[in-house]
Amino acid sequence: METAKKLNPSNHNKKQPDSSLYRSVWRWHFYAGIIFAPFLLILAITGSIYLFKPQIEQVMYKDYFEVTPQAERVSATQQIEEVRRLYPDAVISRYSPGEDPSRSSEVRITDNGESLTVFMDPYTGKSIGTLNSEDRIMNKIEEIHGELMAGTAGDRIVELAACWAVVLIVTGFYLWFPRKKERVFGVLIPRLRKGKKILARDLHVVPAFWISAGMLFLIMTGLPWSGFWGNHFQTIATNSGAGYPPSIWAGSAPVSTVQTKDVADVPWAAETLDVPKSDIQGFIPVSVDDIMSIANREGVHPSYSISIPSNKEGVYTISAYPPKAQDEITMHVDQYSGAVLTDYRYDHYGFVGKMVALGITLHKGTQFGFLNQLLSLFICLGIILVAVSGFYLWLRRKPKKELGAPKAPRMFNKKMFFFIIVALGILFPLVGLSMIVVWILDLFIIQKIPALKRFFNA
């Protein structure tokens, strides 16, 4: 009976599709890992560093940040005038008063095409020092993390790597999922005494399972910042009514070609907010000190900055982008009358806006302070371990003259391929596009050239 059972064609056919699917999924997981794991490694390393930006900058720029509190403060207007005296040709764009009495104030300027921050002692009215934005280490880390220091092309690569990481997680979960009554060892706990080969496999598979949810969270909360997916997502969120309710406007909502992100650094939910115009009926502009009084009166978080209008119709923009999403605020103030034209806070956000705001502060490690930083660091270190152990596994099994890809049926089944392209084209357009490119390469180049076909095990 047992022999007959083994030779029964119907039984063989029942097992084969599952085996075929498993090998196909493994092959996709392999190629996605080989191509995009190096970029995920870069994102994890830079993300680990950027999580601790507050602590790192506090140590590096302590002499710029810290001042000795005194009884009286010099007005913001006088501080700005001192900056004008030091940099007569500069354009002054922003003033930040400092979030506590021992913190210096900051004046952002553009001088000879360079973006500079002048740190002022608010008690003496004198400059402490100046930093070029391009020279700040954490700005470099952020640029690598967001766009690999390669502008728009780098942004697209980072977005593509992040989206393909979702594919890695899904395919990896399928490969990890126990098909027998397995014990916890090798599934939930690495086997430490089964030899180097088993340990190397477990150090890839087991940590990947434990960090998969956190990794997926970091990916999805980082995507709103991306240039392609993020912009389209933001447009959909705004146009669907998950954006700006009428209650934020003191009067009728403005019709403007200028968006808030063009005039100030503001929270994600306020970036595409239309900027109103000041009423220029012969009024004398109010001072930055008056704007500070308005911010204090309206209960704005002390970490706020004031963006200074660049023309007669411009407005002052008060923006607070503090550690907790619930404290975010964006205000536009008429530069002549001091009237609050826009008051846009977390409570005004639509559901999508609130979720993205919370996601961003959790992603940056600020929402729950040091505990948040440690949890995000754990996920980043896990990504590094999974990427390195995966690379090691590949090197161990790679033949000398081949890529070492798992052997499987053709990478593209027509019906399945069409379904995947449509699904990914909706969720992650760049992934869908990249799969079309891979399909074309596979069909017209790899399959036609014997040497390439052997190398890719195709």
Protein backbone atom coordinates (compact mmCIF):
# COMPACT_ATOMS: atom_id res chain seq x y z
CA MET A 1 0.00 0.00 0.00
CA GLU A 2 2.75 2.38 0.97
CA THR A 3 4.68 1.69 -2.27
CA ALA A 4 1.56 2.17 -4.34
CA LYS A 5 0.88 5.39 -2.54
CA LYS A 6 4.33 6.70 -3.44
CA LEU A 7 3.93 5.79 -7.09
CA ASN A 8 0.39 7.10 -7.42
CA PRO A 9 0.56 9.95 -10.00
CA SER A 10 -2.33 11.78 -8.41
CA ASN A 11 -0.46 12.02 -5.11
CA HIS A 12 2.65 13.24 -6.88
CA ASN A 13 0.68 15.95 -8.68
CA LYS A 14 -0.82 17.15 -5.40
CA LYS A 15 2.60 17.69 -3.87
CA GLN A 16 4.31 19.19 -6.87
CA PRO A 17 2.45 22.54 -7.14
CA ASP A 18 3.27 23.38 -3.51
CA SER A 19 6.93 22.53 -4.06
CA SER A 20 6.95 24.54 -7.28
CA LEU A 21 5.37 27.55 -5.55
CA TYR A 22 7.82 27.31 -2.65
CA ARG A 23 10.82 27.34 -4.99
CA SER A 24 9.37 30.24 -7.00
CA VAL A 25 8.80 32.30 -3.86
CA TRP A 26 12.31 31.46 -2.67
CA ARG A 27 13.73 32.59 -5.99
CA TRP A 28 11.89 35.96 -5.81
CA HIS A 29 13.01 36.37 -2.20
CA PHE A 30 16.59 35.66 -3.21
CA TYR A 31 16.70 38.17 -6.06
CA ALA A 32 14.95 40.89 -4.05
CA GLY A 33 17.46 40.34 -1.24
CA ILE A 34 20.54 40.34 -3.46
CA ILE A 35 19.52 43.59 -5.17
CA PHE A 36 17.98 45.60 -2.35
CA ALA A 37 19.56 44.29 0.88
CA PRO A 38 22.60 46.62 0.48
CA PHE A 39 20.26 49.63 0.36
CA LEU A 40 18.29 48.37 3.35
CA LEU A 41 21.59 47.99 5.17
CA ILE A 42 22.39 51.65 4.47
CA LEU A 43 18.92 52.73 5.62
CA ALA A 44 19.22 50.70 8.84
CA ILE A 45 22.68 52.07 9.71
CA THR A 46 21.82 55.70 8.99
CA GLY A 47 18.43 55.29 10.69
CA SER A 48 20.13 53.90 13.82
CA ILE A 49 22.33 56.98 13.99
CA TYR A 50 19.57 59.49 13.19
CA LEU A 51 17.38 58.11 15.99
CA PHE A 52 19.76 59.70 18.46
CA LYS A 53 20.00 63.07 16.74
CA PRO A 54 19.00 65.06 19.87
CA GLN A 55 21.68 63.43 22.03
CA ILE A 56 24.36 63.54 19.33
CA GLU A 57 23.80 67.19 18.44
CA GLN A 58 23.62 68.16 22.10
CA VAL A 59 27.13 66.77 22.56
CA MET A 60 28.57 68.02 19.26
CA TYR A 61 27.10 71.53 19.39
CA LYS A 62 26.91 72.08 23.12
CA ASP A 63 28.80 75.39 22.83
CA TYR A 64 26.23 76.62 20.30
CA PHE A 65 23.15 75.37 22.12
CA GLU A 66 23.70 76.22 25.76
CA VAL A 67 23.47 79.69 27.34
CA THR A 68 23.42 80.94 30.92
CA PRO A 69 19.94 82.18 31.89
CA GLN A 70 19.70 85.75 33.19
CA ALA A 71 16.92 87.99 34.48
CA GLU A 72 16.26 89.84 31.21
CA ARG A 73 16.20 88.74 27.56
CA VAL A 74 17.15 90.86 24.59
CA SER A 75 14.23 91.21 22.18
CA ALA A 76 14.06 89.04 19.08
CA THR A 77 14.06 92.21 16.96
CA GLN A 78 17.39 93.31 18.45
CA GLN A 79 18.88 89.85 17.93
CA ILE A 80 17.82 89.88 14.28
CA GLU A 81 19.28 93.37 13.84
CA GLU A 82 22.59 92.09 15.23
CA VAL A 83 22.55 89.29 12.66
CA ARG A 84 21.87 91.88 9.93
CA ARG A 85 24.89 93.83 11.13
CA LEU A 86 27.08 90.70 11.00
CA TYR A 87 25.69 89.58 7.62
CA PRO A 88 24.55 92.75 5.80
CA ASP A 89 23.87 90.95 2.49
CA ALA A 90 22.03 87.98 3.97
CA VAL A 91 18.34 87.17 3.65
CA ILE A 92 16.81 86.33 7.04
CA SER A 93 14.17 83.62 6.78
CA ARG A 94 13.48 82.17 10.23
CA TYR A 95 13.76 82.83 13.94
CA SER A 96 13.58 80.19 16.69
CA PRO A 97 13.46 81.50 20.26
CA GLY A 98 14.71 78.32 21.95
CA GLU A 99 12.52 75.87 23.81
CA ASP A 100 13.83 76.47 27.33
CA PRO A 101 15.66 79.27 29.22
CA SER A 102 19.09 77.64 28.83
CA ARG A 103 18.77 77.20 25.04
CA SER A 104 20.18 79.67 22.52
CA SER A 105 17.95 81.25 19.92
CA GLU A 106 18.55 80.62 16.22
CA VAL A 107 18.35 82.87 13.18
CA ARG A 108 18.29 81.11 9.80
CA ILE A 109 19.83 83.09 6.95
CA THR A 110 20.92 82.66 3.35
CA ASP A 111 24.22 84.33 2.57
CA ASN A 112 26.02 84.02 -0.77
CA GLY A 113 23.87 81.02 -1.64
CA GLU A 114 24.68 79.20 1.62
CA SER A 115 22.14 78.24 4.26
CA LEU A 116 23.48 79.28 7.67
CA THR A 117 22.20 79.18 11.24
CA VAL A 118 23.38 81.94 13.53
CA PHE A 119 23.14 81.01 17.21
CA MET A 120 22.37 83.95 19.46
CA ASP A 121 22.61 84.39 23.23
CA PRO A 122 19.16 85.83 23.99
CA TYR A 123 20.44 87.42 27.21
CA THR A 124 23.36 89.34 25.71
CA GLY A 125 22.11 89.73 22.15
CA LYS A 126 25.48 88.54 20.82
CA SER A 127 26.29 85.80 18.36
CA ILE A 128 27.63 82.54 19.80
CA GLY A 129 28.60 81.11 16.45
CA THR A 130 27.41 80.10 13.00
CA LEU A 131 26.91 76.69 11.42
CA ASN A 132 26.54 75.89 7.75
CA SER A 133 23.61 73.51 7.20
CA GLU A 134 25.75 71.41 4.84
CA ASP A 135 28.37 70.94 7.55
CA ARG A 136 26.00 69.53 10.16
CA ILE A 137 26.64 65.80 10.52
CA MET A 138 23.02 64.83 11.15
CA ASN A 139 21.93 66.69 8.01
CA LYS A 140 24.35 64.50 6.05
CA ILE A 141 22.99 61.37 7.73
CA GLU A 142 19.44 62.45 6.92
CA GLU A 143 20.40 63.10 3.30
CA ILE A 144 21.95 59.64 2.96
CA HIS A 145 18.96 58.04 4.66
CA GLY A 146 16.42 59.83 2.49
CA GLU A 147 18.08 60.02 -0.90
CA LEU A 148 21.56 58.45 -0.73
CA MET A 149 22.96 61.97 -1.36
CA ALA A 150 21.86 61.55 -4.99
CA GLY A 151 18.87 63.90 -5.21
CA THR A 152 15.73 62.72 -6.98
CA ALA A 153 17.38 59.56 -8.35
CA GLY A 154 18.47 58.59 -4.84
CA ASP A 155 15.00 59.25 -3.48
CA ARG A 156 13.50 56.88 -6.06
CA ILE A 157 16.08 54.19 -5.25
CA VAL A 158 15.34 54.46 -1.51
CA GLU A 159 11.59 54.29 -2.19
CA LEU A 160 12.06 51.28 -4.48
CA ALA A 161 14.19 49.51 -1.87
CA ALA A 162 11.61 50.21 0.84
CA CYS A 163 8.74 48.91 -1.31
CA TRP A 164 10.68 45.80 -2.31
CA ALA A 165 11.41 45.24 1.37
CA VAL A 166 7.66 44.63 1.76
CA VAL A 167 8.00 41.91 -0.89
CA LEU A 168 10.95 40.49 1.06
CA ILE A 169 8.88 40.41 4.26
CA VAL A 170 5.90 38.69 2.61
CA THR A 171 7.98 36.10 0.74
CA GLY A 172 10.19 35.58 3.78
CA PHE A 173 7.16 34.91 5.97
CA TYR A 174 5.92 32.33 3.47
CA LEU A 175 9.30 30.58 3.50
CA TRP A 176 9.53 30.74 7.32
CA PHE A 177 6.00 29.45 8.01
CA PRO A 178 6.29 25.96 9.60
CA ARG A 179 4.83 23.21 7.41
CA LYS A 180 5.25 20.53 10.06
CA LYS A 181 4.78 20.39 13.81
CA GLU A 182 8.12 22.03 14.34
CA ARG A 183 9.54 22.80 17.74
CA VAL A 184 10.31 26.37 18.71
CA PHE A 185 14.00 25.87 17.96
CA GLY A 186 14.78 26.88 14.40
CA VAL A 187 11.42 28.64 14.18
CA LEU A 188 11.27 31.04 17.12
CA ILE A 189 14.67 30.44 18.73
CA PRO A 190 18.01 29.91 16.91
CA ARG A 191 19.65 26.50 17.26
CA LEU A 192 23.05 27.27 18.76
CA ARG A 193 24.46 23.74 18.93
CA LYS A 194 23.60 22.30 15.53
CA GLY A 195 26.68 23.44 13.65
CA LYS A 196 27.64 26.59 11.74
CA LYS A 197 25.40 25.88 8.75
CA ILE A 198 22.24 25.53 10.84
CA LEU A 199 23.19 28.50 13.02
CA ALA A 200 23.80 30.72 9.99
CA ARG A 201 20.38 29.78 8.60
CA ASP A 202 18.65 30.40 11.95
CA LEU A 203 20.40 33.77 12.45
CA HIS A 204 18.77 34.87 9.21
CA VAL A 205 15.32 33.32 9.56
CA VAL A 206 14.51 33.70 13.27
CA PRO A 207 15.47 37.38 13.74
CA ALA A 208 13.67 38.17 10.46
CA PHE A 209 10.47 36.79 11.96
CA TRP A 210 10.81 38.76 15.18
CA ILE A 211 11.50 42.11 13.50
CA SER A 212 9.17 41.71 10.50
CA ALA A 213 6.27 43.66 12.06
CA GLY A 214 8.56 46.47 13.23
CA MET A 215 10.35 46.56 9.89
CA LEU A 216 7.05 46.80 8.04
CA PHE A 217 5.99 49.61 10.37
CA LEU A 218 9.21 51.58 9.72
CA ILE A 219 8.76 51.13 5.96
CA MET A 220 5.13 52.26 5.89
CA THR A 221 5.78 55.24 8.19
CA GLY A 222 8.79 56.28 6.12
CA LEU A 223 7.05 56.12 2.73
CA PRO A 224 4.98 59.34 3.27
CA TRP A 225 8.29 61.23 3.05
CA SER A 226 9.20 59.71 -0.31
CA GLY A 227 9.09 61.83 -3.44
CA PHE A 228 6.89 59.62 -5.62
CA TRP A 229 4.69 57.39 -3.46
CA GLY A 230 4.58 60.00 -0.67
CA ASN A 231 3.50 62.86 -2.93
CA HIS A 232 0.71 60.82 -4.51
CA PHE A 233 -0.41 59.53 -1.13
CA GLN A 234 -0.48 63.07 0.23
CA THR A 235 -2.53 64.27 -2.74
CA ILE A 236 -5.06 61.46 -2.28
CA ALA A 237 -5.29 62.12 1.47
CA THR A 238 -5.89 65.82 0.87
CA ASN A 239 -8.38 65.46 -1.98
CA SER A 240 -10.36 62.77 -0.18
CA GLY A 241 -11.18 65.11 2.68
CA ALA A 242 -8.70 63.58 5.10
CA GLY A 243 -6.82 66.89 4.85
CA TYR A 244 -7.92 70.33 5.93
CA PRO A 245 -11.32 71.04 7.51
CA PRO A 246 -12.76 74.58 7.03
CA SER A 247 -12.44 75.31 10.77
CA ILE A 248 -8.74 76.14 10.45
CA TRP A 249 -9.47 79.32 8.50
CA ALA A 250 -10.44 82.60 10.14
CA GLY A 251 -12.37 83.44 6.97
CA SER A 252 -12.84 81.80 3.59
CA ALA A 253 -10.18 79.30 2.64
CA PRO A 254 -7.59 80.99 0.40
CA VAL A 255 -7.01 80.18 -3.24
CA SER A 256 -3.24 80.10 -3.51
CA THR A 257 -0.50 78.66 -5.68
CA VAL A 258 1.88 78.77 -2.72
CA GLN A 259 1.91 75.81 -0.35
CA THR A 260 3.08 75.97 3.24
CA LYS A 261 6.06 73.67 2.58
CA ASP A 262 7.34 76.37 0.18
CA VAL A 263 7.66 78.95 2.97
CA ALA A 264 8.41 76.94 6.13
CA ASP A 265 9.43 73.59 7.60
CA VAL A 266 6.13 72.20 8.84
CA PRO A 267 4.57 68.84 9.81
CA TRP A 268 3.57 66.46 6.99
CA ALA A 269 -0.15 67.15 7.35
CA ALA A 270 0.38 70.89 6.75
CA GLU A 271 2.81 70.72 3.83
CA THR A 272 0.23 71.22 1.08
CA LEU A 273 -1.84 73.73 3.07
CA ASP A 274 -2.52 76.84 0.95
CA VAL A 275 -0.80 79.99 2.22
CA PRO A 276 -3.06 83.04 2.67
CA LYS A 277 -1.99 86.61 1.88
CA SER A 278 -1.51 89.53 4.23
CA ASP A 279 -3.77 92.56 3.87
CA ILE A 280 -1.40 95.36 2.80
CA GLN A 281 -3.70 98.34 3.36
CA GLY A 282 -0.92 100.67 4.44
CA PHE A 283 -0.15 98.95 7.73
CA ILE A 284 3.32 98.84 9.29
CA PRO A 285 4.50 95.24 9.75
CA VAL A 286 4.35 93.83 13.26
CA SER A 287 7.61 92.65 14.82
CA VAL A 288 8.82 89.13 15.45
CA ASP A 289 8.35 89.87 19.17
CA ASP A 290 4.64 90.46 18.51
CA ILE A 291 4.45 87.11 16.72
CA MET A 292 6.13 85.46 19.71
CA SER A 293 3.46 86.98 21.97
CA ILE A 294 0.77 85.50 19.72
CA ALA A 295 2.46 82.07 19.83
CA ASN A 296 2.66 82.18 23.62
CA ARG A 297 -0.94 83.38 23.89
CA GLU A 298 -2.19 80.56 21.66
CA GLY A 299 -0.32 77.89 23.62
CA VAL A 300 2.12 76.90 20.88
CA HIS A 301 4.75 74.32 21.90
CA PRO A 302 7.97 76.16 22.90
CA SER A 303 10.00 74.40 20.19
CA TYR A 304 8.29 76.54 17.53
CA SER A 305 9.97 78.54 14.78
CA ILE A 306 8.80 81.69 13.03
CA SER A 307 9.25 81.90 9.26
CA ILE A 308 9.59 85.53 8.19
CA PRO A 309 7.65 86.74 5.10
CA SER A 310 9.79 87.41 2.03
CA ASN A 311 7.44 89.90 0.32
CA LYS A 312 4.67 92.42 1.07
CA GLU A 313 1.87 89.88 0.67
CA GLY A 314 3.57 87.16 2.68
CA VAL A 315 2.61 85.97 6.14
CA TYR A 316 4.45 84.97 9.27
CA THR A 317 4.30 81.20 9.69
CA ILE A 318 4.54 79.76 13.18
CA SER A 319 5.35 76.06 13.05
CA ALA A 320 5.99 73.59 15.83
CA TYR A 321 7.27 70.15 14.91
CA PRO A 322 7.89 68.81 18.44
CA PRO A 323 8.68 65.28 19.68
CA LYS A 324 5.01 64.34 20.20
CA ALA A 325 2.61 64.45 17.26
CA GLN A 326 -0.19 65.80 19.45
CA ASP A 327 1.75 69.06 19.94
CA GLU A 328 2.17 69.86 16.22
CA ILE A 329 0.84 73.19 15.00
CA THR A 330 0.99 75.40 11.91
CA MET A 331 -0.23 79.00 12.06
CA HIS A 332 -0.25 81.74 9.42
CA VAL A 333 -0.36 85.28 10.78
CA ASP A 334 -1.01 88.52 8.86
CA GLN A 335 2.26 90.44 8.93
CA TYR A 336 0.52 93.81 9.34
CA SER A 337 -2.46 93.29 11.62
CA GLY A 338 -1.18 90.27 13.53
CA ALA A 339 -4.46 88.48 12.82
CA VAL A 340 -4.30 84.69 12.97
CA LEU A 341 -5.35 83.57 9.48
CA THR A 342 -4.72 79.85 9.92
CA ASP A 343 -4.59 77.73 13.06
CA TYR A 344 -3.97 74.11 12.08
CA ARG A 345 -3.27 71.61 14.87
CA TYR A 346 -3.18 67.86 15.38
CA ASP A 347 -6.80 67.86 16.53
CA HIS A 348 -7.80 69.34 13.15
CA TYR A 349 -6.09 66.58 11.15
CA GLY A 350 -8.19 63.99 9.40
CA PHE A 351 -7.77 60.34 10.34
CA VAL A 352 -5.02 59.80 7.76
CA GLY A 353 -3.19 62.95 8.87
CA LYS A 354 -3.22 61.82 12.50
CA MET A 355 -1.99 58.34 11.65
CA VAL A 356 0.84 59.69 9.50
CA ALA A 357 1.82 62.25 12.15
CA LEU A 358 1.98 59.55 14.83
CA GLY A 359 3.80 57.23 12.44
CA ILE A 360 6.46 59.85 11.70
CA THR A 361 7.20 60.65 15.35
CA LEU A 362 7.36 56.92 16.13
CA HIS A 363 9.61 56.40 13.08
CA LYS A 364 11.94 59.17 14.29
CA GLY A 365 11.96 57.75 17.82
CA THR A 366 10.59 60.89 19.51
CA GLN A 367 6.98 60.02 20.42
CA PHE A 368 7.83 58.05 23.57
CA GLY A 369 11.30 59.38 24.23
CA PHE A 370 14.25 57.13 25.00
CA LEU A 371 12.14 53.94 25.07
CA ASN A 372 10.97 54.71 21.52
CA GLN A 373 14.58 55.21 20.45
CA LEU A 374 15.66 51.86 21.94
CA LEU A 375 12.80 49.95 20.31
CA SER A 376 13.51 51.47 16.88
CA LEU A 377 17.23 50.80 17.35
CA PHE A 378 16.45 47.14 18.09
CA ILE A 379 14.55 46.88 14.80
CA CYS A 380 17.35 48.58 12.85
CA LEU A 381 19.99 46.28 14.37
CA GLY A 382 17.77 43.33 13.50
CA ILE A 383 17.61 44.48 9.87
CA ILE A 384 21.41 44.70 9.81
CA LEU A 385 21.74 41.17 11.25
CA VAL A 386 19.23 39.73 8.77
CA ALA A 387 20.92 41.44 5.79
CA VAL A 388 24.43 40.32 6.80
CA SER A 389 23.38 36.75 7.63
CA GLY A 390 21.49 36.52 4.32
CA PHE A 391 24.59 37.65 2.45
CA TYR A 392 26.66 35.05 4.34
CA LEU A 393 24.19 32.30 3.43
CA TRP A 394 24.42 33.28 -0.21
CA LEU A 395 28.25 33.18 -0.18
CA ARG A 396 28.21 29.71 1.40
CA ARG A 397 26.00 28.17 -1.31
CA LYS A 398 27.11 30.22 -4.34
CA PRO A 399 28.88 28.21 -7.09
CA LYS A 400 31.98 29.82 -8.60
CA LYS A 401 30.55 30.64 -12.02
CA GLU A 402 26.90 31.09 -11.15
CA LEU A 403 24.85 33.56 -9.17
CA GLY A 404 23.59 30.78 -6.95
CA ALA A 405 19.90 31.59 -7.32
CA PRO A 406 17.50 28.85 -6.15
CA LYS A 407 16.40 26.70 -9.06
CA ALA A 408 12.73 27.10 -9.81
CA PRO A 409 10.23 27.12 -12.67
CA ARG A 410 10.09 30.20 -14.88
CA MET A 411 10.00 33.30 -12.73
CA PHE A 412 6.82 34.53 -14.41
CA ASN A 413 3.58 32.65 -14.72
CA LYS A 414 1.33 34.69 -17.01
CA LYS A 415 -1.80 34.77 -14.84
CA MET A 416 0.08 35.15 -11.59
CA PHE A 417 2.36 37.78 -13.10
CA PHE A 418 -0.59 39.83 -14.33
CA PHE A 419 -2.24 39.67 -10.91
CA ILE A 420 0.97 40.67 -9.09
CA ILE A 421 1.68 43.54 -11.50
CA VAL A 422 -1.83 44.96 -11.07
CA ALA A 423 -1.75 44.59 -7.27
CA LEU A 424 1.72 46.08 -6.88
CA GLY A 425 1.00 48.73 -9.51
CA ILE A 426 -1.80 50.00 -7.28
CA LEU A 427 0.02 49.74 -3.95
CA PHE A 428 3.62 50.42 -5.01
CA PRO A 429 3.85 51.70 -8.60
CA LEU A 430 7.65 51.68 -8.71
CA VAL A 431 7.71 47.98 -7.74
CA GLY A 432 5.20 47.13 -10.47
CA LEU A 433 7.29 49.07 -12.99
CA SER A 434 10.50 47.37 -11.88
CA MET A 435 8.86 43.94 -12.24
CA ILE A 436 7.92 44.76 -15.83
CA VAL A 437 11.57 45.71 -16.47
CA VAL A 438 12.76 42.42 -14.92
CA TRP A 439 10.21 40.48 -17.00
CA ILE A 440 11.46 42.11 -20.20
CA LEU A 441 15.08 41.37 -19.29
CA ASP A 442 14.21 37.76 -18.43
CA LEU A 443 12.19 37.17 -21.60
CA PHE A 444 14.34 38.91 -24.20
CA ILE A 445 17.88 38.78 -22.81
CA ILE A 446 18.45 36.18 -20.07
CA GLN A 447 16.41 33.45 -21.78
CA LYS A 448 18.05 34.15 -25.16
CA ILE A 449 21.71 34.08 -24.09
CA PRO A 450 22.88 30.63 -22.86
CA ALA A 451 25.68 31.99 -20.67
CA LEU A 452 23.29 34.36 -18.86
CA LYS A 453 20.68 31.63 -18.57
CA ARG A 454 23.20 29.35 -16.85
CA PHE A 455 24.47 32.16 -14.60
CA PHE A 456 20.97 33.05 -13.37
CA ASN A 457 19.83 29.42 -13.19
CA ALA A 458 16.99 30.43 -15.49
